[in-house]
């Protein structure tokens, strides 16, 4: 199951192929995610949509840079839609720039 989740777009749930470019969306959260470090976790947005993110581990460079979890999207369009939805969710305190 985890292998499938790490290849699925957080927004549209489309499976991405090997070598397909993806977009990432790093986030900082108000929620304590310590027990979920280094695992994929599902989050239900205020809209009711369920999205999947990878929670950063304590010893990772991402965590050292203040990133709590990262969403992976199959396209810039999906990443923009996800970012817009996340900006409306008060549990997120900082949504980083899209990286493609």
Foldseek 3Di string as FASTA:
>chain_A
DQVQLVQAAQQPRDGHDPPQDKKKKFFAFLDDCQVQAQGKDWDQFPVRDIGIWHAHHPPDPCVVVRTGIMGIHRDPVRVVVVVVRVVPGPRTDDMDDMDD
